Amino acid sequence: MSYEDPFGSKAAEDFLDGAATAAKWPKVGAVVEGTVIGYSMAQCRDYDENEALFWEGNKKVIESKATDKSKPVMQLLLELQCEPTGETWQGLANTRVELPEDDGMRTAYVKGALRSALIKAQRTAKAKLEVGAYVKMTRTADGPQPDPKYAAPHQYAAQWTPAKQNPKHVAQFMSDDTQAETPFG
């Protein structure tokens, strides 16, 4: 009953190439920023059961409790090219983990408060979701922690720069190396 993205060629590429490191905001004030290199939709999974999540009315249920009328709970996977940091964080305690061969690629799992911040940023910039855009996402605060088993919900602020105004994206098309790769070179 899981949702399969009909535009899932990106998912297939990630499977063969190895997916990017997840974007993390280990503490209030942490920033993740980079150029959008791709995006796709994926179904959310339950943290404990590792089952796909579905909407049953206005309540989330795991796949084994879903009905034919249930709708998948979706999230945006935003693929970013960031500056390599050589580190990431794991678990609720945000334990630092070294990434010796860090390529700077990160995947932001966009839902909830992060989704709201990105919508606001795009509206402010009068922009749309597009490859080449530059995004900066900052963890600004934490909400109340209703269950100590889970991290407190994060609050975010975001800034969005359209691709045509992103100097890193525009420079990619102006370099001599890129021109040599075109069939009209």
Foldseek 3Di string as FASTA:
>chain_A
DADDFPPCPVVVVCVVVPHAAADDAQDAFRKDKFFFADKDKHFDADPPPRAGWWQDPNDIDGPVPDDPPTHTHMWMWTKGQAPFDQWFADDLNRHIDGNNPTRRIHIYTDDDQNVVQVVVQCVVQVHDDDGQKMKMKGFHDFDDDPDPNHHTHTHIHMHIGHNVRRPVNVVVCVDPVNVVPDPVD
